[in-house]
Amino acid sequence: MTPAARLQAAIELLDAIIASARDGGPAADTLIARYFKERRYAGSRDRRAVRDHVYDAIRRAGERPDTGREAMIGLAIERPDLAALFDGSTHAPMPIEPGEVGASAGAVPAWLAPLLAAPVEQAALLGRAPVDLRVNRLKATPATVARQLPDAQPIAGLPDGLRLPEGFPVEQAEPWKQGLVEVQDGGSQMIALACAAAPGMTVVDLCAGAGGKTLALAAAMAGQGTLIAADTIRARLARLSPRAERAGATFIETLLIDQGHEGRGLDSLHGKADVVLVDAPCSGTGTWRRNPEARWRLTQARLDRLVAEQARIMDFAAPLLAPGGALVYATCALTDREGRDQVDGFLARQDGWTAEALDMPLGRAHGDGWLLTPGHDGTDGFFFARLRRSA
C-alpha cells in the first residue's frame, strides 16, 4: 500500500469505529482485525501504519467526530506530512477543500470534564500504556521472573509488579506460558493489595469478570481458604477457568448469579465473608490509555445508569460481610460520581460501617478513598476505598 492508500484505509476504519461507538457496536481493535482479515494483501508494515493513523486520530479527538475524514483532517492540520497525502491520487483521500473543518482536539468530552476528580491530569489519560505484569507467587518470585525477562523493570511500591515496554509480546514469553506471571496493570495490583486477603480467609470477588483480580487474591491467600469469583455473565466467568489452571489457583470457586436477583444466589454467604471486593461496572475513564475510543461511547445517560448500578451492587454486597469484615469498593473510573460520592452515599445509607484510612505506596487520598491516575502514578486510573463493618 502507498502512504496515501494507508491514510485512506485509516479514514475508512475511522468511519466504522465512529459508527460502532455511536451504536454500541464492536470495539476498535475488533473492527481493525476484521478489516485486515478481509484485506490480506496488506503487509505487516501497512497494518502497523494504518493502525497508528487510526489511534493517533482517536487520541486527538475528545468529542466523537461525525466522519473518519473529519477525524483525519483534524490530525492532518497538525501533521503536514499527512496533509500532503490528501492528493486525490489512486486509493488516496480527496484533497482537503478550502474551509473544510477537521475534528477539534481535546482530551475529554466537554460534558464530562467538570465531573472528573479535581486532581486528574487530563492530558495524561491518553498516553500509551506499558505492559504491567504481576508475578504469581503461587509459582514464582520476582527475582526468578526477572531473570527470564531482562527487559522487565520493577514497579516502585508493588512487591510483585514488573513493567515491560508498550507492545511487548508477553504471551509469547515462557513465564506467561508457564503461569509465572499475569498481565495486570499496576493499579489493579494496588487494589488487590488493599483487600489485604490472607490464607484461610473467606473472600468474594463479586464482579469478577475474567478474574484478573481474583487471581491476585488467590496468590495473596497462598491457595488456602475460600475464594469465590462471582459474576452475572457466564462468558466472562468461563475465561477464568483456564487462567486459574495455568496459574495453579485451582481452589477458586465460580458462582454465576442472576442480574437483578443477585441476592438469591448469595444467600449462603451472608455474614460469612472476611473480604468482599466490588470492582464495579464503570465508565472506564481510567483506562482510556488502552481504549481511547471509549470516550466516544460514554454518554450522560450511560453514566447515570452506571452510577445507579454501582450503588445497588454495594448495597447487596454489604450483608455478605462478617462483623469486622472489609468491603473494598473499586472502579477504573475517575469521575467523583463513581468514586468519592459513591462511598459517601454508601456510608449515609448503611449503618455500622466506617471508611478506613489507606496508606498505599502509589496514589493519594481522595475523600474517604484512594485515587490513582496515569499522570501522577503511571498506572491506569482507579478509585478505591476500604469500608469496615462494625464488629
Protein backbone atom coordinates (compact mmCIF):
# COMPACT_ATOMS: atom_id res chain seq x y z
CA MET A 1 0.00 0.00 0.00
CA THR A 2 1.17 3.51 -0.72
CA PRO A 3 1.33 6.03 2.16
CA ALA A 4 -1.76 7.75 0.73
CA ALA A 5 -3.64 4.43 0.49
CA ARG A 6 -2.79 3.71 4.11
CA LEU A 7 -4.29 7.04 5.08
CA GLN A 8 -7.48 6.31 3.13
CA ALA A 9 -7.70 2.92 4.82
CA ALA A 10 -7.44 4.67 8.20
CA ILE A 11 -10.29 7.01 7.22
CA GLU A 12 -12.47 4.02 6.26
CA LEU A 13 -11.71 2.34 9.57
CA LEU A 14 -12.45 5.52 11.50
CA ASP A 15 -15.85 5.70 9.79
CA ALA A 16 -16.60 2.19 11.06
CA ILE A 17 -15.27 2.94 14.56
CA ILE A 18 -17.30 6.15 14.84
CA ALA A 19 -20.49 4.35 13.79
CA SER A 20 -19.78 1.49 16.20
CA ALA A 21 -19.15 3.89 19.09
CA ARG A 22 -22.41 5.69 18.33
CA ASP A 23 -24.46 2.50 18.05
CA GLY A 24 -22.83 0.37 20.75
CA GLY A 25 -21.08 -1.97 18.34
CA PRO A 26 -17.70 -3.74 18.47
CA ALA A 27 -14.56 -2.08 19.82
CA ALA A 28 -11.93 -0.51 17.59
CA ASP A 29 -9.45 -3.40 17.89
CA THR A 30 -12.12 -5.85 16.73
CA LEU A 31 -13.02 -3.71 13.74
CA ILE A 32 -9.38 -3.26 12.76
CA ALA A 33 -8.78 -7.03 12.93
CA ARG A 34 -11.84 -7.68 10.75
CA TYR A 35 -10.76 -5.03 8.24
CA PHE A 36 -7.37 -6.61 7.63
CA LYS A 37 -8.73 -10.15 7.64
CA GLU A 38 -10.69 -9.12 4.55
CA ARG A 39 -7.64 -7.42 3.00
CA ARG A 40 -4.86 -9.96 3.19
CA TYR A 41 -2.83 -8.04 0.61
CA ALA A 42 -1.90 -5.56 3.36
CA GLY A 43 1.51 -6.37 4.79
CA SER A 44 2.64 -6.00 8.38
CA ARG A 45 4.05 -2.52 7.76
CA ASP A 46 0.79 -1.47 6.14
CA ARG A 47 -1.24 -2.77 9.09
CA ARG A 48 1.01 -1.07 11.60
CA ALA A 49 0.94 2.26 9.77
CA VAL A 50 -2.85 2.22 9.35
CA ARG A 51 -3.37 1.29 12.98
CA ASP A 52 -1.08 4.12 14.11
CA HIS A 53 -3.01 6.64 11.98
CA VAL A 54 -6.31 5.42 13.41
CA TYR A 55 -5.25 5.63 17.04
CA ASP A 56 -3.45 8.95 16.59
CA ALA A 57 -6.72 10.39 15.28
CA ILE A 58 -8.77 8.80 18.05
CA ARG A 59 -6.47 10.05 20.80
CA ARG A 60 -6.56 13.57 19.44
CA ALA A 61 -10.35 13.99 19.31
CA GLY A 62 -12.09 14.18 22.69
CA GLU A 63 -15.52 14.54 21.11
CA ARG A 64 -16.77 11.90 18.67
CA PRO A 65 -16.32 13.24 15.11
CA ASP A 66 -19.07 12.86 12.52
CA THR A 67 -16.84 11.09 9.99
CA GLY A 68 -13.46 9.44 9.65
CA ARG A 69 -12.39 12.09 7.19
CA GLU A 70 -13.16 14.81 9.74
CA ALA A 71 -11.11 12.96 12.35
CA MET A 72 -8.16 12.55 10.00
CA ILE A 73 -8.26 16.12 8.71
CA GLY A 74 -8.07 17.29 12.30
CA LEU A 75 -4.89 15.28 12.70
CA ALA A 76 -3.53 16.40 9.32
CA ILE A 77 -3.87 20.07 10.28
CA GLU A 78 -1.13 19.39 12.83
CA ARG A 79 0.81 16.98 10.59
CA PRO A 80 1.91 18.45 7.24
CA ASP A 81 3.23 15.04 6.20
CA LEU A 82 -0.31 13.66 6.41
CA ALA A 83 -1.93 16.71 4.84
CA ALA A 84 0.22 16.19 1.74
CA LEU A 85 -1.29 12.72 1.25
CA PHE A 86 -4.77 14.16 0.62
CA ASP A 87 -3.92 14.42 -3.08
CA GLY A 88 -6.77 12.60 -4.84
CA SER A 89 -4.48 10.06 -6.49
CA THR A 90 -5.46 6.39 -6.86
CA HIS A 91 -6.59 4.98 -3.47
CA ALA A 92 -5.77 8.31 -1.79
CA PRO A 93 -8.12 10.68 0.07
CA MET A 94 -9.53 13.55 -1.94
CA PRO A 95 -7.80 16.92 -1.44
CA ILE A 96 -8.81 18.97 1.58
CA GLU A 97 -11.16 21.70 0.39
CA PRO A 98 -10.69 25.31 1.47
CA GLY A 99 -12.61 25.82 4.67
CA GLU A 100 -13.07 22.08 5.28
CA VAL A 101 -13.06 21.64 9.03
CA GLY A 102 -11.38 18.83 10.91
CA ALA A 103 -12.28 17.42 14.30
CA SER A 104 -11.27 19.64 17.20
CA ALA A 105 -8.56 18.48 19.57
CA GLY A 106 -9.28 17.61 23.19
CA ALA A 107 -8.56 15.03 25.85
CA VAL A 108 -12.03 14.80 27.38
CA PRO A 109 -15.61 15.31 26.12
CA ALA A 110 -16.74 18.78 27.22
CA TRP A 111 -19.71 17.50 29.24
CA LEU A 112 -17.52 15.09 31.19
CA ALA A 113 -14.61 17.37 32.09
CA PRO A 114 -16.31 19.01 35.11
CA LEU A 115 -17.18 15.59 36.54
CA LEU A 116 -13.61 14.31 36.76
CA ALA A 117 -11.94 14.24 40.16
CA ALA A 118 -10.12 17.54 40.62
CA PRO A 119 -6.55 16.10 40.78
CA VAL A 120 -6.85 14.27 37.44
CA GLU A 121 -4.25 15.32 34.86
CA GLN A 122 -6.42 15.13 31.75
CA ALA A 123 -3.70 15.11 29.08
CA ALA A 124 -2.09 12.02 30.63
CA LEU A 125 -5.29 9.99 30.24
CA LEU A 126 -4.39 9.31 26.61
CA GLY A 127 -0.72 8.37 26.82
CA ARG A 128 0.38 4.95 25.65
CA ALA A 129 0.31 2.34 28.39
CA PRO A 130 3.19 -0.02 29.20
CA VAL A 131 2.73 -3.73 29.79
CA ASP A 132 2.49 -4.40 33.52
CA LEU A 133 2.89 -7.88 34.96
CA ARG A 134 2.08 -9.37 38.33
CA VAL A 135 4.37 -12.19 39.40
CA ASN A 136 2.30 -15.17 40.50
CA ARG A 137 3.54 -16.05 43.99
CA LEU A 138 1.89 -19.46 43.75
CA LYS A 139 4.59 -20.42 41.25
CA ALA A 140 7.43 -17.88 41.21
CA THR A 141 9.21 -14.90 42.73
CA PRO A 142 10.00 -11.56 41.07
CA ALA A 143 13.69 -12.47 41.01
CA THR A 144 13.17 -15.70 39.08
CA VAL A 145 10.89 -14.00 36.54
CA ALA A 146 13.22 -11.02 36.10
CA ARG A 147 16.00 -13.38 35.05
CA GLN A 148 13.79 -14.68 32.24
CA LEU A 149 12.55 -11.22 31.23
CA PRO A 150 15.60 -8.95 31.30
CA ASP A 151 13.61 -6.06 29.78
CA ALA A 152 11.28 -6.01 32.80
CA GLN A 153 11.71 -3.33 35.45
CA PRO A 154 10.28 -3.39 38.99
CA ILE A 155 7.27 -1.15 39.64
CA ALA A 156 8.00 1.00 42.66
CA GLY A 157 5.79 0.13 45.59
CA LEU A 158 4.43 -3.10 44.15
CA PRO A 159 6.17 -6.19 45.55
CA ASP A 160 5.12 -8.41 42.64
CA GLY A 161 4.93 -5.79 39.86
CA LEU A 162 7.12 -5.74 36.76
CA ARG A 163 6.87 -3.36 33.82
CA LEU A 164 7.69 -4.02 30.17
CA PRO A 165 7.73 -1.59 27.24
CA GLU A 166 4.49 -0.87 25.41
CA GLY A 167 3.67 -3.57 22.87
CA PHE A 168 5.92 -6.26 24.37
CA PRO A 169 4.57 -9.68 23.19
CA VAL A 170 4.31 -11.11 26.69
CA GLU A 171 2.01 -14.00 25.72
CA GLN A 172 4.85 -15.42 23.62
CA ALA A 173 7.20 -15.44 26.61
CA GLU A 174 7.80 -18.58 28.67
CA PRO A 175 6.95 -17.01 32.06
CA TRP A 176 3.46 -16.24 30.80
CA LYS A 177 3.01 -19.67 29.22
CA GLN A 178 4.08 -21.33 32.47
CA GLY A 179 1.71 -19.26 34.59
CA LEU A 180 4.51 -17.43 36.39
CA VAL A 181 3.05 -14.03 35.52
CA GLU A 182 -0.28 -12.42 34.71
CA VAL A 183 -0.75 -9.25 32.68
CA GLN A 184 -2.20 -6.80 35.21
CA ASP A 185 -1.93 -3.03 35.42
CA GLY A 186 -0.15 -1.72 38.49
CA GLY A 187 -3.33 0.00 39.64
CA SER A 188 -5.24 -3.28 39.63
CA GLN A 189 -2.45 -4.84 41.66
CA MET A 190 -2.79 -1.99 44.16
CA ILE A 191 -6.50 -2.75 44.61
CA ALA A 192 -5.69 -6.39 45.35
CA LEU A 193 -3.19 -5.21 47.98
CA ALA A 194 -5.88 -3.02 49.55
CA CYS A 195 -8.04 -6.11 50.07
CA ALA A 196 -5.41 -7.50 52.46
CA ALA A 197 -6.53 -11.05 51.71
CA ALA A 198 -4.67 -13.74 53.67
CA PRO A 199 -4.52 -17.55 53.85
CA GLY A 200 -7.60 -19.10 55.45
CA MET A 201 -9.95 -16.20 54.78
CA THR A 202 -13.31 -16.30 53.01
CA VAL A 203 -13.04 -13.81 50.12
CA VAL A 204 -15.60 -12.92 47.46
CA ASP A 205 -14.74 -11.14 44.21
CA LEU A 206 -18.27 -10.01 43.44
CA CYS A 207 -17.82 -8.58 39.93
CA ALA A 208 -15.05 -10.95 38.94
CA GLY A 209 -15.32 -10.79 35.16
CA ALA A 210 -12.48 -12.83 33.67
CA GLY A 211 -10.79 -13.00 37.07
CA GLY A 212 -7.69 -10.81 36.91
CA LYS A 213 -8.09 -9.57 40.47
CA THR A 214 -9.38 -12.98 41.59
CA LEU A 215 -6.04 -14.47 40.60
CA ALA A 216 -4.18 -11.78 42.52
CA LEU A 217 -6.30 -12.56 45.58
CA ALA A 218 -5.58 -16.28 45.13
CA ALA A 219 -1.85 -15.61 45.24
CA ALA A 220 -2.22 -13.45 48.37
CA MET A 221 -4.14 -16.31 50.01
CA ALA A 222 -1.40 -18.80 49.06
CA GLY A 223 -4.08 -21.12 47.75
CA GLN A 224 -5.64 -21.56 51.21
CA GLY A 225 -9.14 -20.59 52.25
CA THR A 226 -12.34 -19.94 50.34
CA LEU A 227 -12.20 -17.68 47.28
CA ILE A 228 -15.36 -17.17 45.25
CA ALA A 229 -15.42 -15.42 41.88
CA ALA A 230 -18.97 -14.25 41.12
CA ASP A 231 -20.41 -12.57 38.07
CA THR A 232 -23.67 -12.26 36.17
CA ILE A 233 -22.20 -13.08 32.74
CA ARG A 234 -21.33 -16.72 32.06
CA ALA A 235 -18.91 -15.95 29.21
CA ARG A 236 -16.76 -13.80 31.49
CA LEU A 237 -16.52 -16.41 34.20
CA ALA A 238 -15.71 -19.08 31.61
CA ARG A 239 -12.48 -17.22 30.83
CA LEU A 240 -11.29 -17.61 34.42
CA SER A 241 -11.02 -21.40 34.49
CA PRO A 242 -8.11 -21.77 32.01
CA ARG A 243 -6.34 -18.81 33.60
CA ALA A 244 -6.70 -20.32 37.06
CA GLU A 245 -5.43 -23.66 35.79
CA ARG A 246 -2.34 -22.02 34.28
CA ALA A 247 -1.74 -20.05 37.48
CA GLY A 248 -2.12 -23.08 39.76
CA ALA A 249 -5.06 -21.41 41.55
CA THR A 250 -7.38 -24.39 41.34
CA PHE A 251 -9.08 -23.70 44.70
CA ILE A 252 -11.09 -20.79 43.21
CA GLU A 253 -14.85 -21.38 43.12
CA THR A 254 -17.01 -19.67 40.49
CA LEU A 255 -20.56 -18.52 41.06
CA LEU A 256 -22.94 -17.37 38.31
CA ILE A 257 -25.61 -15.07 39.73
CA ASP A 258 -28.74 -13.64 38.11
CA GLN A 259 -28.68 -9.99 37.07
CA GLY A 260 -31.19 -8.12 39.20
CA HIS A 261 -31.71 -11.09 41.54
CA GLU A 262 -28.19 -11.42 42.88
CA GLY A 263 -29.31 -11.73 46.50
CA ARG A 264 -30.86 -15.14 45.90
CA GLY A 265 -27.58 -16.59 44.67
CA LEU A 266 -25.61 -15.07 47.53
CA ASP A 267 -27.83 -16.07 50.47
CA SER A 268 -25.47 -18.78 51.64
CA LEU A 269 -22.64 -16.26 52.03
CA HIS A 270 -24.48 -13.76 54.21
CA GLY A 271 -22.39 -12.77 57.22
CA LYS A 272 -19.53 -15.10 56.31
CA ALA A 273 -17.05 -13.14 54.17
CA ASP A 274 -13.88 -11.62 55.57
CA VAL A 275 -13.38 -9.57 52.39
CA VAL A 276 -15.70 -8.67 49.53
CA LEU A 277 -14.24 -6.91 46.51
CA VAL A 278 -16.73 -4.89 44.46
CA ASP A 279 -14.85 -3.98 41.29
CA ALA A 280 -17.95 -2.32 39.93
CA PRO A 281 -19.04 -1.75 36.32
CA CYS A 282 -17.98 1.79 35.48
CA SER A 283 -17.30 4.39 32.79
CA GLY A 284 -13.73 3.17 32.27
CA THR A 285 -12.41 6.73 32.22
CA GLY A 286 -9.24 5.49 33.90
CA THR A 287 -8.44 3.08 31.05
CA TRP A 288 -8.52 5.48 28.11
CA ARG A 289 -4.80 4.88 27.50
CA ARG A 290 -5.80 1.39 26.36
CA ASN A 291 -9.25 2.16 24.92
CA PRO A 292 -9.26 5.78 23.75
CA GLU A 293 -12.39 5.36 21.62
CA ALA A 294 -14.31 4.63 24.84
CA ARG A 295 -14.58 8.43 25.19
CA TRP A 296 -16.80 8.39 22.12
CA ARG A 297 -19.13 5.79 23.65
CA LEU A 298 -19.79 7.36 27.02
CA THR A 299 -22.94 9.46 27.41
CA GLN A 300 -24.58 11.23 30.32
CA ALA A 301 -27.42 8.69 30.27
CA ARG A 302 -25.00 5.75 30.39
CA LEU A 303 -23.08 7.34 33.26
CA ASP A 304 -26.35 7.80 35.17
CA ARG A 305 -27.16 4.09 34.72
CA LEU A 306 -23.70 3.04 35.87
CA VAL A 307 -23.86 5.20 38.99
CA ALA A 308 -27.20 3.67 39.95
CA GLU A 309 -25.89 0.14 39.35
CA GLN A 310 -22.76 0.76 41.43
CA ALA A 311 -24.85 1.84 44.42
CA ARG A 312 -27.14 -1.17 44.02
CA ILE A 313 -24.20 -3.60 43.96
CA MET A 314 -22.63 -2.06 47.06
CA ASP A 315 -25.92 -2.43 48.93
CA PHE A 316 -26.37 -6.14 48.17
CA ALA A 317 -22.68 -6.76 48.84
CA ALA A 318 -22.81 -5.32 52.37
CA PRO A 319 -24.74 -8.19 54.05
CA LEU A 320 -22.13 -10.71 52.87
CA LEU A 321 -19.54 -9.38 55.30
CA ALA A 322 -18.96 -10.93 58.70
CA PRO A 323 -18.65 -8.47 61.61
CA GLY A 324 -15.25 -6.83 61.26
CA GLY A 325 -15.07 -7.73 57.56
CA ALA A 326 -13.95 -5.35 54.82
CA LEU A 327 -15.79 -4.29 51.68
CA VAL A 328 -13.33 -2.94 49.09
CA TYR A 329 -15.09 -0.80 46.51
CA ALA A 330 -13.16 -0.06 43.31
CA THR A 331 -13.70 1.38 39.85
CA CYS A 332 -11.39 2.06 36.92
CA ALA A 333 -13.14 5.42 36.68
CA LEU A 334 -12.07 8.95 37.55
CA THR A 335 -15.39 10.72 37.97
CA ASP A 336 -16.30 11.65 41.52
CA ARG A 337 -19.83 10.38 40.96
CA GLU A 338 -18.41 6.86 40.58
CA GLY A 339 -15.82 7.14 43.34
CA ARG A 340 -15.83 9.56 46.25
CA ASP A 341 -19.58 10.25 46.01
CA GLN A 342 -20.45 6.53 45.91
CA VAL A 343 -18.59 5.93 49.15
CA ASP A 344 -20.25 8.93 50.78
CA GLY A 345 -23.66 7.64 49.68
CA PHE A 346 -23.00 4.12 50.97
CA LEU A 347 -21.92 5.37 54.40
CA ALA A 348 -25.04 7.55 54.57
CA ARG A 349 -27.34 4.62 53.66
CA GLN A 350 -25.73 1.83 55.67
CA ASP A 351 -25.45 1.79 59.45
CA GLY A 352 -22.46 0.24 61.17
CA TRP A 353 -19.82 0.96 58.55
CA THR A 354 -16.72 3.16 58.57
CA ALA A 355 -14.16 4.07 55.94
CA GLU A 356 -10.61 3.04 56.80
CA ALA A 357 -7.72 5.38 56.15
CA LEU A 358 -5.45 3.98 53.45
CA ASP A 359 -1.71 4.47 53.07
CA MET A 360 -0.68 2.93 49.78
CA PRO A 361 2.72 3.12 48.02
CA LEU A 362 1.22 4.84 44.94
CA GLY A 363 -1.59 7.37 44.59
CA ARG A 364 -3.13 9.84 47.01
CA ALA A 365 -6.04 10.14 49.40
CA HIS A 366 -9.30 11.36 47.85
CA GLY A 367 -12.33 11.76 50.07
CA ASP A 368 -12.68 8.54 52.08
CA GLY A 369 -10.79 6.58 49.44
CA TRP A 370 -7.68 6.48 47.30
CA LEU A 371 -7.03 7.82 43.80
CA LEU A 372 -4.57 6.57 41.17
CA THR A 373 -4.06 8.46 37.91
CA PRO A 374 -1.84 7.90 34.86
CA GLY A 375 -0.19 11.31 35.20
CA HIS A 376 0.60 11.04 38.90
CA ASP A 377 1.28 7.32 39.26
CA GLY A 378 1.97 5.84 35.82
CA THR A 379 -0.90 3.36 36.21
CA ASP A 380 -4.40 3.27 34.82
CA GLY A 381 -6.82 5.48 36.71
CA PHE A 382 -8.63 3.97 39.69
CA PHE A 383 -10.57 4.98 42.76
CA PHE A 384 -10.91 2.53 45.63
CA ALA A 385 -11.91 2.54 49.28
CA ARG A 386 -11.88 0.02 52.13
CA LEU A 387 -15.04 0.04 54.23
CA ARG A 388 -15.16 -1.87 57.52
CA ARG A 389 -18.25 -3.45 59.08
CA SER A 390 -18.52 -2.89 62.80
CA ALA A 391 -17.60 -5.89 64.91
